[in-house]
Amino acid sequence: MELLILVLLFAGLFAIYDAIRKVNNNILEQTEELKKIREELKENNKK
């Protein structure tokens, strides 16, 4: 019974870790896209 609880606890912790990692990757991707948009806007304003 203790083994089942440990396995479920480990699975829960891994799920939380995976969710946080996915959110972090999304934030990083959005930040990169915003940088590209800012650079494009700067270039277009110079023309």
Protein backbone atom coordinates (compact mmCIF):
# COMPACT_ATOMS: atom_id res chain seq x y z
CA MET A 1 0.00 0.00 0.00
CA GLU A 2 2.87 2.35 0.82
CA LEU A 3 4.41 1.62 -2.58
CA LEU A 4 1.20 2.68 -4.33
CA ILE A 5 1.14 5.95 -2.40
CA LEU A 6 4.79 6.62 -3.29
CA VAL A 7 4.17 5.90 -6.97
CA LEU A 8 1.13 8.20 -7.01
CA LEU A 9 3.06 10.92 -5.20
CA PHE A 10 5.93 10.64 -7.68
CA ALA A 11 3.50 10.74 -10.62
CA GLY A 12 1.81 13.83 -9.17
CA LEU A 13 5.10 15.63 -8.66
CA PHE A 14 6.21 14.77 -12.18
CA ALA A 15 2.91 16.06 -13.60
CA ILE A 16 3.34 19.36 -11.74
CA TYR A 17 6.95 19.64 -12.96
CA ASP A 18 5.90 18.94 -16.55
CA ALA A 19 3.10 21.52 -16.41
CA ILE A 20 5.45 24.20 -15.07
CA ARG A 21 8.02 23.35 -17.76
CA LYS A 22 5.40 23.71 -20.52
CA VAL A 23 4.22 27.07 -19.18
CA ASN A 24 7.81 28.29 -18.96
CA ASN A 25 8.50 27.23 -22.55
CA ASN A 26 5.38 29.08 -23.72
CA ILE A 27 6.51 32.23 -21.94
CA LEU A 28 9.97 31.99 -23.51
CA GLU A 29 8.50 31.49 -27.00
CA GLN A 30 6.17 34.46 -26.58
CA THR A 31 9.05 36.62 -25.38
CA GLU A 32 11.09 35.73 -28.47
CA GLU A 33 8.14 36.51 -30.74
CA LEU A 34 7.64 39.88 -29.07
CA LYS A 35 11.32 40.72 -29.61
CA LYS A 36 10.97 39.88 -33.32
CA ILE A 37 7.84 42.03 -33.62
CA ARG A 38 9.57 44.96 -31.92
CA GLU A 39 12.54 44.70 -34.29
CA GLU A 40 10.22 44.57 -37.32
CA LEU A 41 8.34 47.62 -36.07
CA LYS A 42 11.60 49.53 -35.60
CA GLU A 43 12.69 48.63 -39.13
CA ASN A 44 9.35 49.66 -40.60
CA ASN A 45 9.42 52.99 -38.76
CA LYS A 46 12.84 53.80 -40.20
CA LYS A 47 11.59 53.47 -43.78
